PDB file of N, CA and C in Angstrom:
ATOM      1  N   MET A   1      -7.857  -4.837  13.254  1.00  0.00           N
ATOM      2  CA  MET A   1      -7.352  -5.985  12.547  1.00  0.00           C
ATOM      3  C   MET A   1      -6.309  -6.700  13.402  1.00  0.00           C
ATOM      4  N   GLY A   2      -6.360  -7.974  13.412  1.00  0.00           N
ATOM      5  CA  GLY A   2      -5.391  -8.772  14.148  1.00  0.00           C
ATOM      6  C   GLY A   2      -4.556  -9.592  13.199  1.00  0.00           C
ATOM      7  N   ASP A   3      -4.151 -10.762  13.670  1.00  0.00           N
ATOM      8  CA  ASP A   3      -3.392 -11.645  12.800  1.00  0.00           C
ATOM      9  C   ASP A   3      -4.261 -12.039  11.628  1.00  0.00           C
ATOM     10  N   PHE A   4      -3.650 -12.154  10.492  1.00  0.00           N
ATOM     11  CA  PHE A   4      -4.364 -12.404   9.254  1.00  0.00           C
ATOM     12  C   PHE A   4      -4.196 -13.865   8.876  1.00  0.00           C
ATOM     13  N   ILE A   5      -5.090 -14.389   8.077  1.00  0.00           N
ATOM     14  CA  ILE A   5      -4.935 -15.744   7.566  1.00  0.00           C
ATOM     15  C   ILE A   5      -3.564 -15.836   6.914  1.00  0.00           C
ATOM     16  N   PRO A   6      -2.786 -16.870   7.219  1.00  0.00           N
ATOM     17  CA  PRO A   6      -1.450 -16.975   6.631  1.00  0.00           C
ATOM     18  C   PRO A   6      -1.473 -17.047   5.105  1.00  0.00           C
ATOM     19  N   ASP A   7      -2.584 -17.468   4.551  1.00  0.00           N
ATOM     20  CA  ASP A   7      -2.711 -17.593   3.106  1.00  0.00           C
ATOM     21  C   ASP A   7      -4.014 -16.908   2.692  1.00  0.00           C
ATOM     22  N   PRO A   8      -4.007 -15.561   2.529  1.00  0.00           N
ATOM     23  CA  PRO A   8      -5.245 -14.842   2.243  1.00  0.00           C
ATOM     24  C   PRO A   8      -5.923 -15.348   0.965  1.00  0.00           C
ATOM     25  N   SER A   9      -7.232 -15.190   0.911  1.00  0.00           N
ATOM     26  CA  SER A   9      -8.001 -15.625  -0.256  1.00  0.00           C
ATOM     27  C   SER A   9      -7.524 -14.937  -1.532  1.00  0.00           C
ATOM     28  N   VAL A  10      -7.221 -13.657  -1.423  1.00  0.00           N
ATOM     29  CA  VAL A  10      -6.799 -12.867  -2.585  1.00  0.00           C
ATOM     30  C   VAL A  10      -5.618 -11.995  -2.184  1.00  0.00           C
ATOM     31  N   ILE A  11      -4.633 -11.919  -3.048  1.00  0.00           N
ATOM     32  CA  ILE A  11      -3.568 -10.924  -2.887  1.00  0.00           C
ATOM     33  C   ILE A  11      -3.559 -10.091  -4.155  1.00  0.00           C
ATOM     34  N   PHE A  12      -3.835  -8.821  -3.987  1.00  0.00           N
ATOM     35  CA  PHE A  12      -3.899  -7.859  -5.077  1.00  0.00           C
ATOM     36  C   PHE A  12      -2.520  -7.221  -5.172  1.00  0.00           C
ATOM     37  N   ALA A  13      -1.709  -7.641  -6.156  1.00  0.00           N
ATOM     38  CA  ALA A  13      -0.343  -7.135  -6.301  1.00  0.00           C
ATOM     39  C   ALA A  13      -0.312  -6.028  -7.346  1.00  0.00           C
ATOM     40  N   VAL A  14       0.312  -4.921  -7.016  1.00  0.00           N
ATOM     41  CA  VAL A  14       0.437  -3.794  -7.934  1.00  0.00           C
ATOM     42  C   VAL A  14       1.823  -3.859  -8.565  1.00  0.00           C
ATOM     43  N   ILE A  15       1.851  -3.850  -9.887  1.00  0.00           N
ATOM     44  CA  ILE A  15       3.110  -3.967 -10.620  1.00  0.00           C
ATOM     45  C   ILE A  15       3.383  -2.646 -11.339  1.00  0.00           C
ATOM     46  N   LEU A  16       4.605  -2.151 -11.198  1.00  0.00           N
ATOM     47  CA  LEU A  16       5.007  -0.924 -11.895  1.00  0.00           C
ATOM     48  C   LEU A  16       6.118  -1.228 -12.893  1.00  0.00           C
ATOM     49  N   ASP A  17       6.088  -0.507 -14.004  1.00  0.00           N
ATOM     50  CA  ASP A  17       7.159  -0.551 -14.999  1.00  0.00           C
ATOM     51  C   ASP A  17       8.079   0.616 -14.667  1.00  0.00           C
ATOM     52  N   PHE A  18       9.269   0.312 -14.184  1.00  0.00           N
ATOM     53  CA  PHE A  18      10.184   1.347 -13.710  1.00  0.00           C
ATOM     54  C   PHE A  18      10.493   2.379 -14.790  1.00  0.00           C
ATOM     55  N   GLU A  19      10.676   1.951 -16.029  1.00  0.00           N
ATOM     56  CA  GLU A  19      11.004   2.894 -17.105  1.00  0.00           C
ATOM     57  C   GLU A  19       9.887   3.899 -17.342  1.00  0.00           C
ATOM     58  N   LYS A  20       8.642   3.446 -17.271  1.00  0.00           N
ATOM     59  CA  LYS A  20       7.523   4.360 -17.476  1.00  0.00           C
ATOM     60  C   LYS A  20       7.389   5.336 -16.310  1.00  0.00           C
ATOM     61  N   CYS A  21       7.781   4.903 -15.120  1.00  0.00           N
ATOM     62  CA  CYS A  21       7.785   5.810 -13.962  1.00  0.00           C
ATOM     63  C   CYS A  21       8.851   6.880 -14.151  1.00  0.00           C
ATOM     64  N   LYS A  22       9.982   6.447 -14.663  1.00  0.00           N
ATOM     65  CA  LYS A  22      11.158   7.304 -14.770  1.00  0.00           C
ATOM     66  C   LYS A  22      11.052   8.302 -15.926  1.00  0.00           C
ATOM     67  N   ASN A  23      10.511   7.872 -17.071  1.00  0.00           N
ATOM     68  CA  ASN A  23      10.581   8.722 -18.264  1.00  0.00           C
ATOM     69  C   ASN A  23       9.383   9.650 -18.462  1.00  0.00           C
ATOM     70  N   GLY A  24       8.430   9.638 -17.551  1.00  0.00           N
ATOM     71  CA  GLY A  24       7.316  10.577 -17.637  1.00  0.00           C
ATOM     72  C   GLY A  24       6.147  10.099 -18.459  1.00  0.00           C
ATOM     73  N   GLU A  25       6.167   8.851 -18.913  1.00  0.00           N
ATOM     74  CA  GLU A  25       5.098   8.351 -19.767  1.00  0.00           C
ATOM     75  C   GLU A  25       3.749   8.303 -19.052  1.00  0.00           C
ATOM     76  N   HIS A  26       3.749   7.999 -17.762  1.00  0.00           N
ATOM     77  CA  HIS A  26       2.488   7.872 -17.021  1.00  0.00           C
ATOM     78  C   HIS A  26       2.474   8.746 -15.773  1.00  0.00           C
ATOM     79  N   ARG A  27       2.983   9.936 -15.901  1.00  0.00           N
ATOM     80  CA  ARG A  27       2.979  10.817 -14.745  1.00  0.00           C
ATOM     81  C   ARG A  27       3.047  12.267 -15.187  1.00  0.00           C
ATOM     82  N   CYS A  28       2.858  13.163 -14.245  1.00  0.00           N
ATOM     83  CA  CYS A  28       2.858  14.591 -14.553  1.00  0.00           C
ATOM     84  C   CYS A  28       4.207  15.251 -14.307  1.00  0.00           C
ATOM     85  N   ILE A  29       4.949  14.746 -13.335  1.00  0.00           N
ATOM     86  CA  ILE A  29       6.210  15.385 -12.948  1.00  0.00           C
ATOM     87  C   ILE A  29       7.336  14.863 -13.830  1.00  0.00           C
ATOM     88  N   VAL A  30       8.016  15.754 -14.529  1.00  0.00           N
ATOM     89  CA  VAL A  30       9.111  15.346 -15.406  1.00  0.00           C
ATOM     90  C   VAL A  30      10.423  15.507 -14.634  1.00  0.00           C
ATOM     91  N   HIS A  31      10.638  14.629 -13.699  1.00  0.00           N
ATOM     92  CA  HIS A  31      11.851  14.602 -12.883  1.00  0.00           C
ATOM     93  C   HIS A  31      12.005  13.162 -12.435  1.00  0.00           C
ATOM     94  N   GLU A  32      13.160  12.573 -12.716  1.00  0.00           N
ATOM     95  CA  GLU A  32      13.324  11.136 -12.498  1.00  0.00           C
ATOM     96  C   GLU A  32      12.972  10.699 -11.077  1.00  0.00           C
ATOM     97  N   GLU A  33      13.546  11.332 -10.069  1.00  0.00           N
ATOM     98  CA  GLU A  33      13.304  10.906  -8.692  1.00  0.00           C
ATOM     99  C   GLU A  33      11.876  11.227  -8.240  1.00  0.00           C
ATOM    100  N   LEU A  34      11.414  12.429  -8.527  1.00  0.00           N
ATOM    101  CA  LEU A  34      10.058  12.803  -8.130  1.00  0.00           C
ATOM    102  C   LEU A  34       9.020  11.981  -8.874  1.00  0.00           C
ATOM    103  N   GLY A  35       9.318  11.617 -10.108  1.00  0.00           N
ATOM    104  CA  GLY A  35       8.390  10.801 -10.888  1.00  0.00           C
ATOM    105  C   GLY A  35       8.143   9.455 -10.255  1.00  0.00           C
ATOM    106  N   LEU A  36       9.174   8.852  -9.683  1.00  0.00           N
ATOM    107  CA  LEU A  36       8.994   7.571  -9.003  1.00  0.00           C
ATOM    108  C   LEU A  36       8.092   7.752  -7.786  1.00  0.00           C
ATOM    109  N   TYR A  37       8.307   8.827  -7.017  1.00  0.00           N
ATOM    110  CA  TYR A  37       7.452   9.093  -5.862  1.00  0.00           C
ATOM    111  C   TYR A  37       6.001   9.300  -6.301  1.00  0.00           C
ATOM    112  N   GLU A  38       5.811  10.044  -7.383  1.00  0.00           N
ATOM    113  CA  GLU A  38       4.458  10.283  -7.885  1.00  0.00           C
ATOM    114  C   GLU A  38       3.805   8.965  -8.302  1.00  0.00           C
ATOM    115  N   SER A  39       4.578   8.102  -8.952  1.00  0.00           N
ATOM    116  CA  SER A  39       4.044   6.795  -9.361  1.00  0.00           C
ATOM    117  C   SER A  39       3.638   5.967  -8.154  1.00  0.00           C
ATOM    118  N   LEU A  40       4.449   5.982  -7.111  1.00  0.00           N
ATOM    119  CA  LEU A  40       4.128   5.225  -5.900  1.00  0.00           C
ATOM    120  C   LEU A  40       2.869   5.771  -5.230  1.00  0.00           C
ATOM    121  N   LEU A  41       2.729   7.096  -5.189  1.00  0.00           N
ATOM    122  CA  LEU A  41       1.510   7.686  -4.637  1.00  0.00           C
ATOM    123  C   LEU A  41       0.297   7.345  -5.490  1.00  0.00           C
ATOM    124  N   SER A  42       0.477   7.325  -6.797  1.00  0.00           N
ATOM    125  CA  SER A  42      -0.623   7.026  -7.703  1.00  0.00           C
ATOM    126  C   SER A  42      -1.140   5.602  -7.527  1.00  0.00           C
ATOM    127  N   ILE A  43      -0.263   4.665  -7.229  1.00  0.00           N
ATOM    128  CA  ILE A  43      -0.741   3.294  -7.029  1.00  0.00           C
ATOM    129  C   ILE A  43      -1.365   3.128  -5.649  1.00  0.00           C
ATOM    130  N   ALA A  44      -0.943   3.950  -4.706  1.00  0.00           N
ATOM    131  CA  ALA A  44      -1.484   3.832  -3.355  1.00  0.00           C
ATOM    132  C   ALA A  44      -2.968   4.198  -3.318  1.00  0.00           C
ATOM    133  N   MET A  45      -3.375   5.131  -4.158  1.00  0.00           N
ATOM    134  CA  MET A  45      -4.772   5.587  -4.132  1.00  0.00           C
ATOM    135  C   MET A  45      -5.768   4.479  -4.500  1.00  0.00           C
ATOM    136  N   PRO A  46      -5.604   3.758  -5.622  1.00  0.00           N
ATOM    137  CA  PRO A  46      -6.567   2.687  -5.907  1.00  0.00           C
ATOM    138  C   PRO A  46      -6.482   1.530  -4.916  1.00  0.00           C
ATOM    139  N   VAL A  47      -5.291   1.266  -4.378  1.00  0.00           N
ATOM    140  CA  VAL A  47      -5.162   0.205  -3.372  1.00  0.00           C
ATOM    141  C   VAL A  47      -5.933   0.597  -2.114  1.00  0.00           C
ATOM    142  N   LEU A  48      -5.855   1.864  -1.726  1.00  0.00           N
ATOM    143  CA  LEU A  48      -6.618   2.341  -0.575  1.00  0.00           C
ATOM    144  C   LEU A  48      -8.118   2.186  -0.826  1.00  0.00           C
ATOM    145  N   GLN A  49      -8.567   2.514  -2.028  1.00  0.00           N
ATOM    146  CA  GLN A  49      -9.992   2.365  -2.351  1.00  0.00           C
ATOM    147  C   GLN A  49     -10.421   0.897  -2.287  1.00  0.00           C
ATOM    148  N   ALA A  50      -9.568  -0.015  -2.782  1.00  0.00           N
ATOM    149  CA  ALA A  50      -9.876  -1.453  -2.702  1.00  0.00           C
ATOM    150  C   ALA A  50      -9.934  -1.890  -1.247  1.00  0.00           C
ATOM    151  N   ASP A  51      -9.035  -1.360  -0.430  1.00  0.00           N
ATOM    152  CA  ASP A  51      -9.012  -1.673   1.001  1.00  0.00           C
ATOM    153  C   ASP A  51     -10.311  -1.217   1.664  1.00  0.00           C
ATOM    154  N   LEU A  52     -10.725   0.008   1.387  1.00  0.00           N
ATOM    155  CA  LEU A  52     -11.955   0.544   1.980  1.00  0.00           C
ATOM    156  C   LEU A  52     -13.181  -0.243   1.511  1.00  0.00           C
ATOM    157  N   GLN A  53     -13.222  -0.605   0.226  1.00  0.00           N
ATOM    158  CA  GLN A  53     -14.364  -1.346  -0.300  1.00  0.00           C
ATOM    159  C   GLN A  53     -14.434  -2.739   0.315  1.00  0.00           C
ATOM    160  N   ALA A  54     -13.291  -3.412   0.435  1.00  0.00           N
ATOM    161  CA  ALA A  54     -13.269  -4.743   1.047  1.00  0.00           C
ATOM    162  C   ALA A  54     -13.748  -4.668   2.498  1.00  0.00           C
ATOM    163  N   THR A  55     -13.293  -3.658   3.221  1.00  0.00           N
ATOM    164  CA  THR A  55     -13.712  -3.477   4.607  1.00  0.00           C
ATOM    165  C   THR A  55     -15.220  -3.230   4.682  1.00  0.00           C
ATOM    166  N   ALA A  56     -15.751  -2.423   3.758  1.00  0.00           N
ATOM    167  CA  ALA A  56     -17.190  -2.154   3.723  1.00  0.00           C
ATOM    168  C   ALA A  56     -17.988  -3.428   3.457  1.00  0.00           C
ATOM    169  N   LEU A  57     -17.375  -4.396   2.773  1.00  0.00           N
ATOM    170  CA  LEU A  57     -18.044  -5.671   2.481  1.00  0.00           C
ATOM    171  C   LEU A  57     -17.846  -6.700   3.594  1.00  0.00           C
ATOM    172  N   GLY A  58     -17.190  -6.279   4.683  1.00  0.00           N
ATOM    173  CA  GLY A  58     -17.004  -7.177   5.821  1.00  0.00           C
ATOM    174  C   GLY A  58     -15.771  -8.055   5.735  1.00  0.00           C
ATOM    175  N   LEU A  59     -14.866  -7.736   4.813  1.00  0.00           N
ATOM    176  CA  LEU A  59     -13.625  -8.496   4.687  1.00  0.00           C
ATOM    177  C   LEU A  59     -12.518  -7.790   5.456  1.00  0.00           C
ATOM    178  N   ASN A  60     -11.488  -8.525   5.778  1.00  0.00           N
ATOM    179  CA  ASN A  60     -10.322  -7.940   6.423  1.00  0.00           C
ATOM    180  C   ASN A  60      -9.223  -7.774   5.377  1.00  0.00           C
ATOM    181  N   THR A  61      -8.376  -6.787   5.587  1.00  0.00           N
ATOM    182  CA  THR A  61      -7.317  -6.516   4.625  1.00  0.00           C
ATOM    183  C   THR A  61      -5.984  -6.350   5.337  1.00  0.00           C
ATOM    184  N   SER A  62      -4.939  -6.476   4.562  1.00  0.00           N
ATOM    185  CA  SER A  62      -3.596  -6.288   5.092  1.00  0.00           C
ATOM    186  C   SER A  62      -2.737  -5.673   3.998  1.00  0.00           C
ATOM    187  N   LEU A  63      -2.237  -4.455   4.241  1.00  0.00           N
ATOM    188  CA  LEU A  63      -1.326  -3.832   3.279  1.00  0.00           C
ATOM    189  C   LEU A  63       0.030  -4.521   3.389  1.00  0.00           C
ATOM    190  N   ILE A  64       0.583  -4.859   2.260  1.00  0.00           N
ATOM    191  CA  ILE A  64       1.847  -5.587   2.227  1.00  0.00           C
ATOM    192  C   ILE A  64       2.845  -4.790   1.394  1.00  0.00           C
ATOM    193  N   THR A  65       4.000  -4.519   1.961  1.00  0.00           N
ATOM    194  CA  THR A  65       5.086  -3.902   1.202  1.00  0.00           C
ATOM    195  C   THR A  65       6.172  -4.966   1.052  1.00  0.00           C
ATOM    196  N   PRO A  66       6.095  -5.713  -0.043  1.00  0.00           N
ATOM    197  CA  PRO A  66       7.001  -6.855  -0.203  1.00  0.00           C
ATOM    198  C   PRO A  66       8.439  -6.441  -0.480  1.00  0.00           C
ATOM    199  N   GLU A  67       9.353  -7.356  -0.189  1.00  0.00           N
ATOM    200  CA  GLU A  67      10.747  -7.148  -0.578  1.00  0.00           C
ATOM    201  C   GLU A  67      10.795  -7.243  -2.093  1.00  0.00           C
ATOM    202  N   ILE A  68      11.330  -6.210  -2.736  1.00  0.00           N
ATOM    203  CA  ILE A  68      11.275  -6.098  -4.195  1.00  0.00           C
ATOM    204  C   ILE A  68      11.878  -7.330  -4.882  1.00  0.00           C
ATOM    205  N   GLU A  69      13.066  -7.748  -4.446  1.00  0.00           N
ATOM    206  CA  GLU A  69      13.726  -8.874  -5.111  1.00  0.00           C
ATOM    207  C   GLU A  69      12.908 -10.161  -4.975  1.00  0.00           C
ATOM    208  N   LYS A  70      12.391 -10.411  -3.777  1.00  0.00           N
ATOM    209  CA  LYS A  70      11.621 -11.635  -3.547  1.00  0.00           C
ATOM    210  C   LYS A  70      10.303 -11.621  -4.324  1.00  0.00           C
ATOM    211  N   SER A  71       9.602 -10.478  -4.318  1.00  0.00           N
ATOM    212  CA  SER A  71       8.323 -10.423  -5.030  1.00  0.00           C
ATOM    213  C   SER A  71       8.530 -10.504  -6.539  1.00  0.00           C
ATOM    214  N   THR A  72       9.624  -9.931  -7.047  1.00  0.00           N
ATOM    215  CA  THR A  72       9.923 -10.011  -8.479  1.00  0.00           C
ATOM    216  C   THR A  72      10.120 -11.455  -8.901  1.00  0.00           C
ATOM    217  N   GLU A  73      10.844 -12.198  -8.073  1.00  0.00           N
ATOM    218  CA  GLU A  73      11.084 -13.612  -8.375  1.00  0.00           C
ATOM    219  C   GLU A  73       9.787 -14.425  -8.241  1.00  0.00           C
ATOM    220  N   LEU A  74       9.068 -14.215  -7.156  1.00  0.00           N
ATOM    221  CA  LEU A  74       7.837 -14.962  -6.908  1.00  0.00           C
ATOM    222  C   LEU A  74       6.797 -14.746  -8.007  1.00  0.00           C
ATOM    223  N   LEU A  75       6.662 -13.498  -8.456  1.00  0.00           N
ATOM    224  CA  LEU A  75       5.676 -13.162  -9.486  1.00  0.00           C
ATOM    225  C   LEU A  75       6.213 -13.351 -10.903  1.00  0.00           C
ATOM    226  N   ASN A  76       7.483 -13.742 -11.001  1.00  0.00           N
ATOM    227  CA  ASN A  76       8.128 -13.982 -12.289  1.00  0.00           C
ATOM    228  C   ASN A  76       8.032 -12.749 -13.193  1.00  0.00           C
ATOM    229  N   LEU A  77       8.365 -11.587 -12.622  1.00  0.00           N
ATOM    230  CA  LEU A  77       8.253 -10.331 -13.362  1.00  0.00           C
ATOM    231  C   LEU A  77       9.444 -10.158 -14.301  1.00  0.00           C
ATOM    232  N   PRO A  78       9.199  -9.600 -15.475  1.00  0.00           N
ATOM    233  CA  PRO A  78      10.319  -9.326 -16.382  1.00  0.00           C
ATOM    234  C   PRO A  78      11.182  -8.198 -15.832  1.00  0.00           C
ATOM    235  N   GLU A  79      12.376  -8.065 -16.357  1.00  0.00           N
ATOM    236  CA  GLU A  79      13.298  -7.029 -15.907  1.00  0.00           C
ATOM    237  C   GLU A  79      12.661  -5.651 -16.094  1.00  0.00           C
ATOM    238  N   GLY A  80      12.850  -4.791 -15.112  1.00  0.00           N
ATOM    239  CA  GLY A  80      12.314  -3.437 -15.170  1.00  0.00           C
ATOM    240  C   GLY A  80      10.957  -3.274 -14.497  1.00  0.00           C
ATOM    241  N   TYR A  81      10.333  -4.369 -14.112  1.00  0.00           N
ATOM    242  CA  TYR A  81       9.047  -4.313 -13.420  1.00  0.00           C
ATOM    243  C   TYR A  81       9.251  -4.667 -11.952  1.00  0.00           C
ATOM    244  N   PHE A  82       8.442  -4.081 -11.082  1.00  0.00           N
ATOM    245  CA  PHE A  82       8.548  -4.408  -9.663  1.00  0.00           C
ATOM    246  C   PHE A  82       7.202  -4.253  -8.974  1.00  0.00           C
ATOM    247  N   CYS A  83       7.084  -4.882  -7.810  1.00  0.00           N
ATOM    248  CA  CYS A  83       5.849  -4.861  -7.029  1.00  0.00           C
ATOM    249  C   CYS A  83       6.116  -4.133  -5.716  1.00  0.00           C
ATOM    250  N   PRO A  84       5.800  -2.841  -5.634  1.00  0.00           N
ATOM    251  CA  PRO A  84       6.059  -2.095  -4.405  1.00  0.00           C
ATOM    252  C   PRO A  84       4.959  -2.213  -3.354  1.00  0.00           C
ATOM    253  N   LEU A  85       3.782  -2.720  -3.755  1.00  0.00           N
ATOM    254  CA  LEU A  85       2.656  -2.743  -2.832  1.00  0.00           C
ATOM    255  C   LEU A  85       1.692  -3.866  -3.207  1.00  0.00           C
ATOM    256  N   ALA A  86       1.149  -4.511  -2.187  1.00  0.00           N
ATOM    257  CA  ALA A  86       0.135  -5.549  -2.397  1.00  0.00           C
ATOM    258  C   ALA A  86      -0.908  -5.410  -1.295  1.00  0.00           C
ATOM    259  N   LEU A  87      -2.075  -5.975  -1.551  1.00  0.00           N
ATOM    260  CA  LEU A  87      -3.164  -5.928  -0.587  1.00  0.00           C
ATOM    261  C   LEU A  87      -3.712  -7.337  -0.419  1.00  0.00           C
ATOM    262  N   GLY A  88      -3.582  -7.872   0.795  1.00  0.00           N
ATOM    263  CA  GLY A  88      -4.162  -9.169   1.108  1.00  0.00           C
ATOM    264  C   GLY A  88      -5.601  -8.968   1.529  1.00  0.00           C
ATOM    265  N   ILE A  89      -6.503  -9.794   0.993  1.00  0.00           N
ATOM    266  CA  ILE A  89      -7.923  -9.684   1.313  1.00  0.00           C
ATOM    267  C   ILE A  89      -8.425 -11.055   1.762  1.00  0.00           C
ATOM    268  N   GLY A  90      -9.071 -11.108   2.901  1.00  0.00           N
ATOM    269  CA  GLY A  90      -9.583 -12.372   3.409  1.00  0.00           C
ATOM    270  C   GLY A  90     -10.307 -12.154   4.720  1.00  0.00           C
ATOM    271  N   TYR A  91     -10.266 -13.161   5.571  1.00  0.00           N
ATOM    272  CA  TYR A  91     -10.937 -13.079   6.867  1.00  0.00           C
ATOM    273  C   TYR A  91      -9.927 -13.265   7.989  1.00  0.00           C
ATOM    274  N   GLU A  92     -10.099 -12.490   9.036  1.00  0.00           N
ATOM    275  CA  GLU A  92      -9.242 -12.579  10.214  1.00  0.00           C
ATOM    276  C   GLU A  92      -9.515 -13.898  10.934  1.00  0.00           C
ATOM    277  N   LEU A  93      -8.473 -14.510  11.458  1.00  0.00           N
ATOM    278  CA  LEU A  93      -8.648 -15.730  12.239  1.00  0.00           C
ATOM    279  C   LEU A  93      -9.231 -15.375  13.600  1.00  0.00           C
ATOM    280  N   GLU A  94     -10.261 -16.089  14.009  1.00  0.00           N
ATOM    281  CA  GLU A  94     -10.872 -15.813  15.316  1.00  0.00           C
ATOM    282  C   GLU A  94      -9.932 -16.223  16.434  1.00  0.00           C
ATOM    283  N   GLY A  95      -9.944 -15.446  17.516  1.00  0.00           N
ATOM    284  CA  GLY A  95      -9.161 -15.773  18.698  1.00  0.00           C
ATOM    285  C   GLY A  95      -7.683 -15.472  18.575  1.00  0.00           C
ATOM    286  N   THR A  96      -7.287 -14.732  17.562  1.00  0.00           N
ATOM    287  CA  THR A  96      -5.871 -14.425  17.398  1.00  0.00           C
ATOM    288  C   THR A  96      -5.483 -13.227  18.261  1.00  0.00           C
ATOM    289  N   PHE A  97      -4.204 -13.092  18.472  1.00  0.00           N
ATOM    290  CA  PHE A  97      -3.655 -11.983  19.248  1.00  0.00           C
ATOM    291  C   PHE A  97      -4.026 -10.663  18.589  1.00  0.00           C
ATOM    292  N   GLN A  98      -4.506  -9.729  19.362  1.00  0.00           N
ATOM    293  CA  GLN A  98      -4.833  -8.397  18.872  1.00  0.00           C
ATOM    294  C   GLN A  98      -3.798  -7.411  19.392  1.00  0.00           C
ATOM    295  N   LYS A  99      -3.046  -6.837  18.496  1.00  0.00           N
ATOM    296  CA  LYS A  99      -2.053  -5.833  18.865  1.00  0.00           C
ATOM    297  C   LYS A  99      -2.786  -4.578  19.346  1.00  0.00           C
ATOM    298  N   GLU A 100      -2.355  -4.037  20.476  1.00  0.00           N
ATOM    299  CA  GLU A 100      -2.968  -2.816  20.982  1.00  0.00           C
ATOM    300  C   GLU A 100      -2.595  -1.655  20.071  1.00  0.00           C
ATOM    301  N   ARG A 101      -3.581  -0.936  19.615  1.00  0.00           N
ATOM    302  CA  ARG A 101      -3.349   0.197  18.725  1.00  0.00           C
ATOM    303  C   ARG A 101      -3.434   1.480  19.544  1.00  0.00           C
ATOM    304  N   ILE A 102      -2.328   2.169  19.635  1.00  0.00           N
ATOM    305  CA  ILE A 102      -2.279   3.411  20.397  1.00  0.00           C
ATOM    306  C   ILE A 102      -2.201   4.564  19.406  1.00  0.00           C
ATOM    307  N   ARG A 103      -3.156   5.456  19.494  1.00  0.00           N
ATOM    308  CA  ARG A 103      -3.183   6.605  18.596  1.00  0.00           C
ATOM    309  C   ARG A 103      -2.982   7.888  19.392  1.00  0.00           C
ATOM    310  N   GLU A 104      -2.275   8.801  18.782  1.00  0.00           N
ATOM    311  CA  GLU A 104      -2.087  10.117  19.384  1.00  0.00           C
ATOM    312  C   GLU A 104      -3.419  10.860  19.350  1.00  0.00           C
ATOM    313  N   PRO A 105      -3.685  11.665  20.375  1.00  0.00           N
ATOM    314  CA  PRO A 105      -4.899  12.486  20.327  1.00  0.00           C
ATOM    315  C   PRO A 105      -4.825  13.417  19.107  1.00  0.00           C
ATOM    316  N   VAL A 106      -5.949  13.651  18.474  1.00  0.00           N
ATOM    317  CA  VAL A 106      -5.972  14.453  17.253  1.00  0.00           C
ATOM    318  C   VAL A 106      -5.385  15.848  17.492  1.00  0.00           C
ATOM    319  N   GLU A 107      -5.537  16.364  18.697  1.00  0.00           N
ATOM    320  CA  GLU A 107      -5.012  17.701  19.014  1.00  0.00           C
ATOM    321  C   GLU A 107      -3.481  17.749  18.917  1.00  0.00           C
ATOM    322  N   LYS A 108      -2.827  16.610  19.066  1.00  0.00           N
ATOM    323  CA  LYS A 108      -1.362  16.566  18.984  1.00  0.00           C
ATOM    324  C   LYS A 108      -0.855  16.509  17.553  1.00  0.00           C
ATOM    325  N   ILE A 109      -1.701  16.096  16.612  1.00  0.00           N
ATOM    326  CA  ILE A 109      -1.217  15.909  15.241  1.00  0.00           C
ATOM    327  C   ILE A 109      -1.908  16.793  14.208  1.00  0.00           C
ATOM    328  N   LEU A 110      -2.949  17.516  14.613  1.00  0.00           N
ATOM    329  CA  LEU A 110      -3.674  18.383  13.694  1.00  0.00           C
ATOM    330  C   LEU A 110      -3.372  19.833  14.051  1.00  0.00           C
ATOM    331  N   PHE A 111      -2.914  20.585  13.066  1.00  0.00           N
ATOM    332  CA  PHE A 111      -2.539  21.972  13.302  1.00  0.00           C
ATOM    333  C   PHE A 111      -3.306  22.895  12.365  1.00  0.00           C
ATOM    334  N   TYR A 112      -3.428  24.144  12.775  1.00  0.00           N
ATOM    335  CA  TYR A 112      -4.151  25.122  11.987  1.00  0.00           C
ATOM    336  C   TYR A 112      -3.155  26.039  11.277  1.00  0.00           C
ATOM    337  N   GLU A 113      -3.168  26.024   9.962  1.00  0.00           N
ATOM    338  CA  GLU A 113      -2.381  26.853   9.067  1.00  0.00           C
ATOM    339  C   GLU A 113      -0.880  26.617   9.131  1.00  0.00           C
ATOM    340  N   LYS A 114      -0.284  26.534  10.319  1.00  0.00           N
ATOM    341  CA  LYS A 114       1.165  26.304  10.435  1.00  0.00           C
ATOM    342  C   LYS A 114       1.427  25.166  11.388  1.00  0.00           C
ATOM    343  N   PHE A 115       2.493  24.434  11.126  1.00  0.00           N
ATOM    344  CA  PHE A 115       2.875  23.323  11.993  1.00  0.00           C
ATOM    345  C   PHE A 115       3.076  23.830  13.406  1.00  0.00           C
ATOM    346  N   GLY A 116       2.473  23.147  14.364  1.00  0.00           N
ATOM    347  CA  GLY A 116       2.630  23.504  15.766  1.00  0.00           C
ATOM    348  C   GLY A 116       1.595  24.472  16.302  1.00  0.00           C
ATOM    349  N   GLU A 117       0.814  25.112  15.405  1.00  0.00           N
ATOM    350  CA  GLU A 117      -0.193  26.068  15.863  1.00  0.00           C
ATOM    351  C   GLU A 117      -1.534  25.386  16.045  1.00  0.00           C
ATOM    352  N   LYS A 118      -2.215  25.741  17.096  1.00  0.00           N
ATOM    353  CA  LYS A 118      -3.555  25.163  17.389  1.00  0.00           C
ATOM    354  C   LYS A 118      -4.629  26.019  16.794  1.00  0.00           C
TER     355      LYS A 118
END
C-alpha cells in the first residue's frame, strides 16, 4: 500500500461507549482498565476482517487511529462515546510514493515455547 486517496470513498468509524467498556456490560473481564483493553481488542477483530475482505475485493485500505478529541468533534459524538479506530477504504493513487517496507526475518520474531528459543 502506498499513499492513499486523500478523501477515501468510505471511512468505517468504530464508536465505543466508554461506560459500557468500563462497567462490564459488553465484555468478559470485570476490571475497569482491562475491560477497556478488551473492548479495544474486540473492535479490532471486525475491523481486521473488513480490511481483509476489502483487500480480497481489490480495494485498498488504511487503518486510522484518529485523535480522540478531533474525531469526537468531527463525528458529533455525544459525551462518553469515542472513536478509537477507523478504516479507510478506496483505491490507491497510481504513481504515488511507495514507502519501503522492511520486515524482520521470521526466524528473528518467531520462537518455540519460550521467548528467545528457536
